[in-house]
Amino acid sequence: MASVVQSLYYVIMKTLYDPIEPFNQGTLAVSPVHTIYYEQCGNPDGQPVVFLHGGPGGGIVEDYRRYHDPAAYRIVLFDQRGSGQSTPHASLEDNTTWHLVSDIERLREHLGIESWQVFGGSWGSTLSGLRADASQTCAAVGLTRNLFVSSEGDSLVLPGGRERDLF
């Protein structure tokens, strides 16, 4: 718990940990159409945490690696479907909120992680809440930054009219 509090302190104080490089990078086919890019930083034996970036359409930036103490955390970041280094770029085919939520679990299983903390920013905060709600393998902890909220009728944000499932 002390590590969580310490990490939140740094985020709140707008002080990031020192820059770090990934110890592992890879891709994972999550559908016949989509392959997501991921990277892992910090301590391979640390408390697993997955960072969910904003968007839809955003991607990983190096500073996202710096929100958690790299000595205490196994930091997992990935580019969501159609974003960043994931392929195909900007594709909306088979790319819904629920596909993105499912990808979080597929990545956890692929990396052999039993359970992890979910930390999201903006659109990633919405995904983190949905993923934590749908699973006992995730815990949305601490803080989400720049919370994204939807209102009824935002069908461009949540394709297929799925926003009704959020209310």
N, C-alpha and C. Protein backbone atom coordinates (compact mmCIF):
# COMPACT_ATOMS: atom_id res chain seq x y z
N MET A 1 0.82 -1.20 0.00
CA MET A 1 0.00 0.00 0.00
C MET A 1 0.86 1.26 0.00
N ALA A 2 2.01 1.20 0.68
CA ALA A 2 2.89 2.37 0.72
C ALA A 2 3.34 2.76 -0.68
N SER A 3 3.59 1.77 -1.55
CA SER A 3 4.00 2.07 -2.92
C SER A 3 2.90 2.78 -3.69
N VAL A 4 1.64 2.36 -3.47
CA VAL A 4 0.52 3.02 -4.14
C VAL A 4 0.43 4.47 -3.70
N VAL A 5 0.51 4.70 -2.40
CA VAL A 5 0.43 6.06 -1.87
C VAL A 5 1.59 6.89 -2.38
N GLN A 6 2.78 6.32 -2.39
CA GLN A 6 3.95 7.04 -2.88
C GLN A 6 3.79 7.39 -4.35
N SER A 7 3.33 6.46 -5.18
CA SER A 7 3.13 6.74 -6.60
C SER A 7 2.09 7.83 -6.81
N LEU A 8 0.98 7.76 -6.07
CA LEU A 8 -0.05 8.78 -6.19
C LEU A 8 0.47 10.14 -5.77
N TYR A 9 1.30 10.18 -4.75
CA TYR A 9 1.89 11.43 -4.31
C TYR A 9 2.66 12.09 -5.46
N TYR A 10 3.48 11.30 -6.15
CA TYR A 10 4.26 11.86 -7.25
C TYR A 10 3.37 12.36 -8.38
N VAL A 11 2.31 11.62 -8.70
CA VAL A 11 1.40 12.06 -9.76
C VAL A 11 0.71 13.35 -9.35
N ILE A 12 0.20 13.39 -8.13
CA ILE A 12 -0.50 14.58 -7.66
C ILE A 12 0.42 15.78 -7.63
N MET A 13 1.65 15.58 -7.22
CA MET A 13 2.61 16.69 -7.13
C MET A 13 3.21 17.04 -8.48
N LYS A 14 2.78 16.36 -9.55
CA LYS A 14 3.25 16.62 -10.91
C LYS A 14 4.74 16.39 -11.07
N THR A 15 5.29 15.54 -10.25
CA THR A 15 6.68 15.16 -10.36
C THR A 15 6.70 13.72 -10.86
N LEU A 16 7.37 13.50 -11.96
CA LEU A 16 7.43 12.17 -12.52
C LEU A 16 8.73 11.49 -12.10
N TYR A 17 8.71 10.17 -12.10
CA TYR A 17 9.94 9.43 -11.87
C TYR A 17 10.87 9.65 -13.05
N ASP A 18 12.14 9.30 -12.85
CA ASP A 18 13.14 9.47 -13.90
C ASP A 18 12.75 8.68 -15.16
N PRO A 19 13.18 9.14 -16.34
CA PRO A 19 12.89 8.40 -17.57
C PRO A 19 13.45 6.98 -17.51
N ILE A 20 12.70 6.04 -18.07
CA ILE A 20 13.12 4.64 -18.12
C ILE A 20 12.83 4.08 -19.50
N GLU A 21 13.51 3.01 -19.82
CA GLU A 21 13.30 2.31 -21.08
C GLU A 21 12.60 0.98 -20.79
N PRO A 22 11.86 0.46 -21.76
CA PRO A 22 11.21 -0.83 -21.57
C PRO A 22 12.22 -1.96 -21.42
N PHE A 23 11.89 -2.95 -20.60
CA PHE A 23 12.70 -4.16 -20.54
C PHE A 23 12.14 -5.21 -21.50
N ASN A 24 10.93 -4.97 -22.00
CA ASN A 24 10.29 -5.91 -22.92
C ASN A 24 9.31 -5.14 -23.80
N GLN A 25 9.30 -5.47 -25.09
CA GLN A 25 8.33 -4.90 -26.03
C GLN A 25 7.83 -6.03 -26.90
N GLY A 26 6.59 -5.92 -27.35
CA GLY A 26 6.07 -6.96 -28.22
C GLY A 26 4.74 -6.59 -28.82
N THR A 27 4.17 -7.53 -29.53
CA THR A 27 2.85 -7.36 -30.12
C THR A 27 2.02 -8.59 -29.79
N LEU A 28 0.71 -8.40 -29.79
CA LEU A 28 -0.22 -9.48 -29.51
C LEU A 28 -1.39 -9.36 -30.48
N ALA A 29 -1.63 -10.42 -31.24
CA ALA A 29 -2.80 -10.45 -32.13
C ALA A 29 -4.04 -10.66 -31.25
N VAL A 30 -4.95 -9.69 -31.28
CA VAL A 30 -6.16 -9.77 -30.45
C VAL A 30 -7.39 -10.08 -31.28
N SER A 31 -7.24 -10.10 -32.60
CA SER A 31 -8.33 -10.47 -33.51
C SER A 31 -7.69 -10.77 -34.86
N PRO A 32 -8.47 -11.28 -35.80
CA PRO A 32 -7.91 -11.47 -37.14
C PRO A 32 -7.48 -10.15 -37.80
N VAL A 33 -8.02 -9.05 -37.30
CA VAL A 33 -7.73 -7.73 -37.89
C VAL A 33 -6.66 -6.98 -37.10
N HIS A 34 -6.71 -7.05 -35.78
CA HIS A 34 -5.91 -6.15 -34.93
C HIS A 34 -4.77 -6.85 -34.19
N THR A 35 -3.64 -6.15 -34.15
CA THR A 35 -2.49 -6.53 -33.35
C THR A 35 -2.12 -5.33 -32.49
N ILE A 36 -2.02 -5.54 -31.18
CA ILE A 36 -1.68 -4.43 -30.29
C ILE A 36 -0.20 -4.49 -29.92
N TYR A 37 0.37 -3.30 -29.79
CA TYR A 37 1.75 -3.14 -29.34
C TYR A 37 1.73 -2.95 -27.83
N TYR A 38 2.68 -3.58 -27.13
CA TYR A 38 2.80 -3.37 -25.69
C TYR A 38 4.26 -3.25 -25.30
N GLU A 39 4.48 -2.70 -24.12
CA GLU A 39 5.82 -2.65 -23.54
C GLU A 39 5.72 -2.78 -22.03
N GLN A 40 6.81 -3.27 -21.44
CA GLN A 40 6.88 -3.41 -19.99
C GLN A 40 8.13 -2.68 -19.50
N CYS A 41 7.96 -1.98 -18.39
CA CYS A 41 9.05 -1.18 -17.81
C CYS A 41 9.09 -1.45 -16.31
N GLY A 42 10.14 -0.96 -15.70
CA GLY A 42 10.25 -1.05 -14.25
C GLY A 42 10.79 -2.39 -13.78
N ASN A 43 10.24 -2.89 -12.68
CA ASN A 43 10.71 -4.10 -12.03
C ASN A 43 9.90 -5.30 -12.52
N PRO A 44 10.54 -6.24 -13.24
CA PRO A 44 9.80 -7.42 -13.72
C PRO A 44 9.13 -8.22 -12.61
N ASP A 45 9.63 -8.09 -11.38
CA ASP A 45 9.04 -8.81 -10.24
C ASP A 45 8.17 -7.91 -9.37
N GLY A 46 7.93 -6.68 -9.82
CA GLY A 46 7.16 -5.72 -9.05
C GLY A 46 5.65 -5.94 -9.16
N GLN A 47 4.90 -5.12 -8.44
CA GLN A 47 3.43 -5.14 -8.49
C GLN A 47 2.99 -4.75 -9.91
N PRO A 48 2.25 -5.61 -10.61
CA PRO A 48 1.83 -5.27 -11.97
C PRO A 48 0.79 -4.15 -11.99
N VAL A 49 0.99 -3.21 -12.90
CA VAL A 49 0.03 -2.14 -13.15
C VAL A 49 -0.02 -1.92 -14.65
N VAL A 50 -1.22 -1.78 -15.19
CA VAL A 50 -1.36 -1.49 -16.61
C VAL A 50 -1.84 -0.05 -16.74
N PHE A 51 -1.22 0.69 -17.64
CA PHE A 51 -1.62 2.07 -17.90
C PHE A 51 -2.42 2.11 -19.19
N LEU A 52 -3.60 2.72 -19.14
CA LEU A 52 -4.48 2.84 -20.30
C LEU A 52 -4.49 4.29 -20.76
N HIS A 53 -4.01 4.51 -21.98
CA HIS A 53 -3.89 5.87 -22.50
C HIS A 53 -5.23 6.45 -22.93
N GLY A 54 -5.22 7.73 -23.18
CA GLY A 54 -6.41 8.43 -23.66
C GLY A 54 -6.69 8.15 -25.12
N GLY A 55 -7.72 8.75 -25.59
CA GLY A 55 -8.12 8.54 -26.99
C GLY A 55 -9.63 8.66 -27.06
N PRO A 56 -10.29 7.82 -27.78
CA PRO A 56 -9.72 6.82 -28.66
C PRO A 56 -8.78 7.46 -29.69
N GLY A 57 -7.76 6.71 -30.05
CA GLY A 57 -6.82 7.17 -31.06
C GLY A 57 -5.52 7.69 -30.51
N GLY A 58 -5.39 7.80 -29.18
CA GLY A 58 -4.13 8.26 -28.59
C GLY A 58 -3.07 7.19 -28.74
N GLY A 59 -2.15 7.15 -27.85
CA GLY A 59 -1.11 6.14 -27.87
C GLY A 59 -0.16 6.36 -26.71
N ILE A 60 0.79 5.45 -26.57
CA ILE A 60 1.78 5.55 -25.51
C ILE A 60 2.71 6.72 -25.79
N VAL A 61 3.01 7.47 -24.74
CA VAL A 61 4.09 8.45 -24.79
C VAL A 61 5.06 8.09 -23.66
N GLU A 62 6.32 8.43 -23.84
CA GLU A 62 7.35 8.01 -22.89
C GLU A 62 7.06 8.42 -21.45
N ASP A 63 6.44 9.58 -21.25
CA ASP A 63 6.16 10.02 -19.88
C ASP A 63 5.20 9.10 -19.14
N TYR A 64 4.37 8.32 -19.85
CA TYR A 64 3.46 7.40 -19.16
C TYR A 64 4.21 6.34 -18.38
N ARG A 65 5.44 6.06 -18.77
CA ARG A 65 6.27 5.09 -18.04
C ARG A 65 6.68 5.62 -16.67
N ARG A 66 6.53 6.93 -16.48
CA ARG A 66 7.12 7.60 -15.32
C ARG A 66 6.12 7.88 -14.19
N TYR A 67 4.88 7.43 -14.31
CA TYR A 67 3.87 7.68 -13.27
C TYR A 67 4.03 6.80 -12.04
N HIS A 68 4.66 5.64 -12.20
CA HIS A 68 4.80 4.68 -11.10
C HIS A 68 6.27 4.46 -10.78
N ASP A 69 6.53 4.14 -9.55
CA ASP A 69 7.89 3.87 -9.08
C ASP A 69 8.43 2.63 -9.79
N PRO A 70 9.44 2.78 -10.64
CA PRO A 70 9.94 1.63 -11.40
C PRO A 70 10.63 0.58 -10.53
N ALA A 71 11.01 0.91 -9.32
CA ALA A 71 11.59 -0.08 -8.42
C ALA A 71 10.51 -0.97 -7.81
N ALA A 72 9.28 -0.47 -7.72
CA ALA A 72 8.21 -1.20 -7.05
C ALA A 72 7.20 -1.81 -8.02
N TYR A 73 7.13 -1.33 -9.25
CA TYR A 73 6.06 -1.73 -10.17
C TYR A 73 6.59 -2.37 -11.44
N ARG A 74 5.85 -3.33 -11.92
CA ARG A 74 5.99 -3.87 -13.28
C ARG A 74 4.97 -3.08 -14.10
N ILE A 75 5.43 -2.13 -14.86
CA ILE A 75 4.58 -1.17 -15.56
C ILE A 75 4.32 -1.68 -16.98
N VAL A 76 3.06 -1.93 -17.28
CA VAL A 76 2.66 -2.41 -18.60
C VAL A 76 1.90 -1.30 -19.30
N LEU A 77 2.30 -0.99 -20.51
CA LEU A 77 1.62 0.00 -21.33
C LEU A 77 1.30 -0.65 -22.67
N PHE A 78 0.19 -0.26 -23.28
CA PHE A 78 -0.07 -0.77 -24.63
C PHE A 78 -0.86 0.25 -25.43
N ASP A 79 -0.67 0.17 -26.74
CA ASP A 79 -1.44 1.00 -27.66
C ASP A 79 -2.73 0.26 -27.99
N GLN A 80 -3.86 0.91 -27.73
CA GLN A 80 -5.15 0.29 -27.99
C GLN A 80 -5.34 0.07 -29.50
N ARG A 81 -6.32 -0.73 -29.85
CA ARG A 81 -6.62 -1.01 -31.26
C ARG A 81 -6.67 0.30 -32.07
N GLY A 82 -5.98 0.30 -33.20
CA GLY A 82 -6.00 1.44 -34.10
C GLY A 82 -5.14 2.61 -33.66
N SER A 83 -4.43 2.49 -32.55
CA SER A 83 -3.68 3.60 -31.97
C SER A 83 -2.19 3.33 -31.96
N GLY A 84 -1.42 4.41 -31.97
CA GLY A 84 0.03 4.31 -31.79
C GLY A 84 0.67 3.31 -32.72
N GLN A 85 1.41 2.36 -32.14
CA GLN A 85 2.12 1.35 -32.92
C GLN A 85 1.29 0.09 -33.16
N SER A 86 0.04 0.07 -32.69
CA SER A 86 -0.83 -1.07 -32.98
C SER A 86 -1.28 -1.00 -34.42
N THR A 87 -1.59 -2.17 -34.99
CA THR A 87 -1.99 -2.22 -36.39
C THR A 87 -3.33 -2.94 -36.54
N PRO A 88 -4.08 -2.56 -37.59
CA PRO A 88 -3.85 -1.48 -38.53
C PRO A 88 -4.14 -0.12 -37.88
N HIS A 89 -3.39 0.88 -38.29
CA HIS A 89 -3.52 2.22 -37.70
C HIS A 89 -4.87 2.84 -38.07
N ALA A 90 -5.53 3.41 -37.07
CA ALA A 90 -6.79 4.17 -37.23
C ALA A 90 -7.95 3.33 -37.76
N SER A 91 -7.85 2.01 -37.65
CA SER A 91 -8.94 1.16 -38.12
C SER A 91 -10.07 1.11 -37.10
N LEU A 92 -11.29 1.26 -37.57
CA LEU A 92 -12.47 1.14 -36.71
C LEU A 92 -13.14 -0.23 -36.81
N GLU A 93 -12.65 -1.06 -37.74
CA GLU A 93 -13.21 -2.40 -37.90
C GLU A 93 -12.93 -3.21 -36.63
N ASP A 94 -13.96 -3.87 -36.11
CA ASP A 94 -13.83 -4.66 -34.87
C ASP A 94 -13.13 -3.86 -33.77
N ASN A 95 -13.53 -2.60 -33.63
CA ASN A 95 -12.87 -1.71 -32.67
C ASN A 95 -13.94 -0.95 -31.89
N THR A 96 -14.47 -1.62 -30.87
CA THR A 96 -15.49 -1.01 -30.01
C THR A 96 -14.95 -0.92 -28.59
N THR A 97 -15.68 -0.24 -27.76
CA THR A 97 -15.31 -0.16 -26.35
C THR A 97 -15.11 -1.56 -25.77
N TRP A 98 -16.01 -2.48 -26.08
CA TRP A 98 -15.96 -3.81 -25.48
C TRP A 98 -14.83 -4.65 -26.05
N HIS A 99 -14.43 -4.39 -27.32
CA HIS A 99 -13.21 -5.03 -27.83
C HIS A 99 -12.00 -4.55 -27.03
N LEU A 100 -11.94 -3.24 -26.77
CA LEU A 100 -10.80 -2.67 -26.03
C LEU A 100 -10.74 -3.24 -24.61
N VAL A 101 -11.88 -3.35 -23.97
CA VAL A 101 -11.93 -3.92 -22.62
C VAL A 101 -11.44 -5.38 -22.65
N SER A 102 -11.86 -6.13 -23.63
CA SER A 102 -11.43 -7.53 -23.77
C SER A 102 -9.93 -7.63 -24.01
N ASP A 103 -9.37 -6.70 -24.75
CA ASP A 103 -7.92 -6.71 -25.04
C ASP A 103 -7.09 -6.58 -23.76
N ILE A 104 -7.60 -5.85 -22.79
CA ILE A 104 -6.87 -5.68 -21.53
C ILE A 104 -6.68 -7.05 -20.87
N GLU A 105 -7.74 -7.85 -20.85
CA GLU A 105 -7.67 -9.18 -20.26
C GLU A 105 -6.78 -10.11 -21.08
N ARG A 106 -6.88 -10.03 -22.39
CA ARG A 106 -6.04 -10.88 -23.26
C ARG A 106 -4.57 -10.58 -23.03
N LEU A 107 -4.22 -9.31 -22.88
CA LEU A 107 -2.83 -8.93 -22.63
C LEU A 107 -2.36 -9.44 -21.27
N ARG A 108 -3.20 -9.30 -20.25
CA ARG A 108 -2.85 -9.81 -18.92
C ARG A 108 -2.53 -11.29 -18.98
N GLU A 109 -3.38 -12.04 -19.64
CA GLU A 109 -3.16 -13.48 -19.76
C GLU A 109 -1.89 -13.77 -20.56
N HIS A 110 -1.68 -13.07 -21.66
CA HIS A 110 -0.50 -13.26 -22.50
C HIS A 110 0.80 -13.05 -21.72
N LEU A 111 0.79 -12.06 -20.83
CA LEU A 111 1.98 -11.74 -20.05
C LEU A 111 2.13 -12.60 -18.80
N GLY A 112 1.15 -13.48 -18.56
CA GLY A 112 1.23 -14.38 -17.40
C GLY A 112 1.06 -13.67 -16.07
N ILE A 113 0.27 -12.61 -16.07
CA ILE A 113 0.03 -11.84 -14.85
C ILE A 113 -1.28 -12.30 -14.23
N GLU A 114 -1.23 -12.67 -12.96
CA GLU A 114 -2.43 -13.17 -12.28
C GLU A 114 -3.47 -12.07 -12.07
N SER A 115 -3.02 -10.94 -11.56
CA SER A 115 -3.91 -9.80 -11.38
C SER A 115 -3.06 -8.54 -11.42
N TRP A 116 -3.71 -7.41 -11.69
CA TRP A 116 -2.96 -6.16 -11.78
C TRP A 116 -3.84 -4.98 -11.44
N GLN A 117 -3.17 -3.88 -11.16
CA GLN A 117 -3.85 -2.61 -10.97
C GLN A 117 -4.09 -1.99 -12.34
N VAL A 118 -5.17 -1.25 -12.46
CA VAL A 118 -5.50 -0.59 -13.71
C VAL A 118 -5.49 0.90 -13.47
N PHE A 119 -4.72 1.62 -14.26
CA PHE A 119 -4.54 3.06 -14.10
C PHE A 119 -4.78 3.70 -15.46
N GLY A 120 -5.73 4.62 -15.53
CA GLY A 120 -6.05 5.20 -16.83
C GLY A 120 -6.14 6.70 -16.81
N GLY A 121 -5.92 7.28 -17.98
CA GLY A 121 -6.06 8.72 -18.15
C GLY A 121 -7.05 9.02 -19.26
N SER A 122 -7.92 9.98 -19.03
CA SER A 122 -8.90 10.42 -20.01
C SER A 122 -9.76 9.22 -20.45
N TRP A 123 -9.77 8.89 -21.73
CA TRP A 123 -10.53 7.73 -22.22
C TRP A 123 -10.08 6.46 -21.50
N GLY A 124 -8.79 6.37 -21.18
CA GLY A 124 -8.27 5.22 -20.43
C GLY A 124 -8.90 5.09 -19.06
N SER A 125 -9.33 6.20 -18.46
CA SER A 125 -10.01 6.11 -17.16
C SER A 125 -11.36 5.42 -17.31
N THR A 126 -12.04 5.66 -18.42
CA THR A 126 -13.31 4.98 -18.67
C THR A 126 -13.07 3.48 -18.86
N LEU A 127 -12.07 3.14 -19.67
CA LEU A 127 -11.75 1.73 -19.88
C LEU A 127 -11.32 1.06 -18.58
N SER A 128 -10.56 1.76 -17.75
CA SER A 128 -10.11 1.15 -16.50
C SER A 128 -11.29 0.83 -15.59
N GLY A 129 -12.25 1.71 -15.53
CA GLY A 129 -13.44 1.45 -14.72
C GLY A 129 -14.27 0.30 -15.26
N LEU A 130 -14.43 0.24 -16.59
CA LEU A 130 -15.19 -0.85 -17.19
C LEU A 130 -14.48 -2.18 -17.00
N ARG A 131 -13.15 -2.19 -17.16
CA ARG A 131 -12.40 -3.44 -17.01
C ARG A 131 -12.42 -3.92 -15.57
N ALA A 132 -12.22 -3.03 -14.63
CA ALA A 132 -12.22 -3.42 -13.22
C ALA A 132 -13.60 -3.94 -12.82
N ASP A 133 -14.65 -3.34 -13.37
CA ASP A 133 -16.00 -3.76 -13.05
C ASP A 133 -16.31 -5.14 -13.61
N ALA A 134 -15.68 -5.49 -14.73
CA ALA A 134 -15.98 -6.74 -15.42
C ALA A 134 -15.13 -7.91 -14.96
N SER A 135 -14.20 -7.68 -14.03
CA SER A 135 -13.25 -8.74 -13.72
C SER A 135 -12.83 -8.72 -12.26
N GLN A 136 -12.44 -9.88 -11.78
CA GLN A 136 -11.84 -9.96 -10.46
C GLN A 136 -10.33 -10.01 -10.55
N THR A 137 -9.78 -9.88 -11.78
CA THR A 137 -8.34 -9.90 -11.96
C THR A 137 -7.77 -8.49 -12.04
N CYS A 138 -8.62 -7.50 -11.90
CA CYS A 138 -8.18 -6.11 -11.99
C CYS A 138 -8.70 -5.34 -10.79
N ALA A 139 -7.94 -4.36 -10.41
CA ALA A 139 -8.39 -3.44 -9.37
C ALA A 139 -8.08 -2.04 -9.86
N ALA A 140 -9.11 -1.24 -10.05
CA ALA A 140 -8.89 0.16 -10.39
C ALA A 140 -8.52 0.85 -9.10
N VAL A 141 -7.29 1.26 -8.99
CA VAL A 141 -6.81 1.82 -7.74
C VAL A 141 -6.46 3.27 -7.87
N GLY A 142 -6.61 3.93 -6.75
CA GLY A 142 -6.04 5.26 -6.61
C GLY A 142 -6.72 6.31 -7.42
N LEU A 143 -6.18 6.57 -8.57
CA LEU A 143 -6.48 7.82 -9.24
C LEU A 143 -6.57 7.59 -10.73
N THR A 144 -7.55 8.17 -11.34
CA THR A 144 -7.57 8.27 -12.79
C THR A 144 -7.41 9.74 -13.09
N ARG A 145 -6.69 10.05 -14.13
CA ARG A 145 -6.43 11.45 -14.44
C ARG A 145 -7.28 11.87 -15.63
N ASN A 146 -7.70 13.11 -15.64
CA ASN A 146 -8.48 13.66 -16.75
C ASN A 146 -9.64 12.74 -17.10
N LEU A 147 -10.48 12.47 -16.15
CA LEU A 147 -11.58 11.53 -16.31
C LEU A 147 -12.43 11.87 -17.53
N PHE A 148 -12.69 10.86 -18.37
CA PHE A 148 -13.59 11.01 -19.51
C PHE A 148 -14.95 10.51 -19.08
N VAL A 149 -15.97 11.33 -19.28
CA VAL A 149 -17.33 10.89 -18.99
C VAL A 149 -18.16 11.07 -20.24
N SER A 150 -19.13 10.23 -20.37
CA SER A 150 -20.01 10.26 -21.52
C SER A 150 -21.41 10.62 -21.06
N SER A 151 -22.17 11.14 -21.98
CA SER A 151 -23.57 11.38 -21.68
C SER A 151 -24.41 10.61 -22.69
N GLU A 152 -25.64 10.36 -22.31
CA GLU A 152 -26.52 9.60 -23.18
C GLU A 152 -26.59 10.25 -24.55
N GLY A 153 -26.44 9.44 -25.58
CA GLY A 153 -26.51 9.95 -26.95
C GLY A 153 -25.16 10.19 -27.59
N ASP A 154 -24.08 9.91 -26.88
CA ASP A 154 -22.74 10.11 -27.45
C ASP A 154 -22.34 8.92 -28.30
N SER A 155 -23.12 8.61 -29.32
CA SER A 155 -22.86 7.40 -30.09
C SER A 155 -21.59 7.50 -30.93
N LEU A 156 -21.09 8.70 -31.19
CA LEU A 156 -19.82 8.81 -31.91
C LEU A 156 -18.65 8.42 -31.00
N VAL A 157 -18.83 8.58 -29.70
CA VAL A 157 -17.79 8.23 -28.75
C VAL A 157 -17.80 6.74 -28.48
N LEU A 158 -18.97 6.18 -28.30
CA LEU A 158 -19.12 4.76 -28.04
C LEU A 158 -19.93 4.15 -29.18
N PRO A 159 -19.25 3.76 -30.28
CA PRO A 159 -19.95 3.28 -31.46
C PRO A 159 -20.92 2.16 -31.15
N GLY A 160 -21.98 2.12 -31.90
CA GLY A 160 -22.99 1.08 -31.73
C GLY A 160 -24.01 1.39 -30.67
N GLY A 161 -24.04 2.63 -30.17
CA GLY A 161 -25.00 3.01 -29.17
C GLY A 161 -24.77 2.37 -27.81
N ARG A 162 -23.54 1.89 -27.54
CA ARG A 162 -23.26 1.17 -26.30
C ARG A 162 -23.22 2.09 -25.08
N GLU A 163 -23.33 3.40 -25.29
CA GLU A 163 -23.31 4.29 -24.14
C GLU A 163 -24.45 3.97 -23.17
N ARG A 164 -25.52 3.37 -23.67
CA ARG A 164 -26.63 3.01 -22.79
C ARG A 164 -26.19 2.03 -21.70
N ASP A 165 -25.11 1.24 -21.99
CA ASP A 165 -24.62 0.28 -21.00
C ASP A 165 -23.85 0.96 -19.87
N LEU A 166 -23.51 2.23 -20.02
CA LEU A 166 -22.77 2.94 -19.00
C LEU A 166 -23.68 3.63 -17.99
N PHE A 167 -24.98 3.73 -18.28
CA PHE A 167 -25.88 4.47 -17.41
C PHE A 167 -26.81 3.56 -16.66
